[in-house]
Amino acid sequence: MLLPPLLAVLAVLCMLVAIAISFGHDTKANPLAAPPTHDEIARQLTTDLEGKPSAADIRRAVKPLSERRRLLAKHPFYALYTIAKQHFDVSLYLVAAVHYQETGFKKAPAELAKQRRWKRHRNAIHSIDPEVRPTRYPHRTERHPSPTDDFDVVMAIARGLESNGANGLGPAARRAIGKRYGATPEGRLSAAMVLERARAWMLLGTLPMPGSGELATPVKGVVGGCGYFGCPRPGHLHNGVDFLAPTGVPIHAADGGVVVSVESPGQSGGYGNFVCIQHRPNLATCYAHLSAFAASVRPGARVWRGQVIGLVGSTGSSTAPHLHFEVRRGPASCSACAIDPLPLLSGEVPATVLPKMVATAPAGPRPLNVAAAPVAVAPAAPAPAPAASAPAPRGDSNPGDAATEDAVPDPPVDATTLPPARPKPASSQSGGTRPTEAPASKPAPPAASTAPAPVTQAPAAPAPAPAAPSPPADTGTGGATPDFSAPPAAAQHGG
């Protein structure tokens, strides 16, 4: 009499246990199933920001699960990172950060086959069912294991992290990355950059898309801490990307166009010395916190792709030298049109040719009305001839890589990004109406003939009264200037 009810109860219990086991397995396999908690986000923001983040900052940092899934699924390597997470139980963000550090989301160089950290684990793919390998990803080959095949490289990275004891993005991950890159100063810097990048991507819940090459990378520097587009700032989200670099490093125009805005700290607010270039009616780039401008950079002047427009500094609301770089899909005056710059960058920094510099924004007309005349501005007088050529920096924006024992070589600089003809010297100009030298109250230092030295700002003339509302301030860079004697400190961002 009691047997049928007991069997029914037993069946129900077995079903509940099976559901619980299945749910636990899915949760472990799906890296998106457990987004960061409120307290975890608060701790991360306290580390990455200056001051205490507001409740609104934390809410904006935690994206809905559906939005995170949609953005991550668009990444061409996401399927590979997910497989690596499932088979080796390492953070997909850590795998992605190492993959980016060593390949730049591009095809891995053939030299990778000679590196012990890949060679040692290249057979990791044999522990994975061949049916798991996706049918499509950017650089697929038929020869396996292949040092240029994305699947093989990503699985070797994940297996290496697992063997080093990586777990999450905490102390265990730090130790594992440290073993991968070694104890040299350069290795410690590379390890710190990887970990900061992985934590920032986890905080945002997305991965940057591989660069399309539409724009040249404006400066030789690294993106540290939460210097990425969309990172929370107290009261607003970050509208650009922060490249950490020492004061005096040359800043290049990301593409050819017309200078529409040159402002001093008194005019720009938190942006400090600030330049905007309109490339096309629907594309502009802006550069903030400069220590000095090129003397020829004035509203209405034309610039070419790769031209040096200024030097890295820490003017305005900034805690350390860096370049705050924005891309705006629209007129340069539209700060609300800012988009993520990283997917548009080529990854290569143009060759450096230093012009004359002025320490502060030149006096002159206010920014051009781009809405009325987007790019059709009369050409300005050609810039003075460059004084000399400094050695061309390598294209990779992560300096820690090249100096590591097993480092991947940087891609060669593409000299074709510079124009075929140089501007005529000032002495040969005939009819330019726009001055090319600094005002008398702000004499320009002599042109440099070697790599740029840090620029000491000259006393500026009294700044004109600010006109129009100031753009939102950007107050951080992600910590101290990169130093090859020690890894960067925790990122500091305030605006």
Foldseek 3Di string as FASTA:
>chain_A
DCVVVVVVVVVVVVVVVVVVVVVVLVCQLDPLNDADDLVRLQVLCPLFAPDGADPVLSVLLGDDSVVLCVQAVPALCSLLLSVLCNPLVADSLLLVLVCCQFAVLHFHDQLLCVFCLLVVQLCLCVVPDPVSDDPDGDFDDPDPPGSRHPNSRSNSSSVQLSVQQHHYLDPSSLSSQCVVQDDALLSQQSSQQSSLSSVLCSSNSHDDHRAPAQWAQFFQFGFGHNQFFQNGFRPDGQLFGKGFAAFFTFTWGRFKAFWQAFDACQAFAQQHGKTKGQRDQFKIKMKGAFQKAQLQRDGLAIDGGQAGGGTWHAGGQADETIIGMWMARHAPVPSVRTDGCNRHYPLFHEFDFWHWIWRTTADDDGGDPCVVPVGPGPHAAAAAFGPAGEGGDFRHSRVSQVPGPSHRDGDHHDNPSDDPDHHYHPVPTDDGPDDRAGDPVTHIDDHDHYRTDRDDHDDDDDHPHHDDDHDDHWNYRQAYRQDSRHHGRGHYTHD
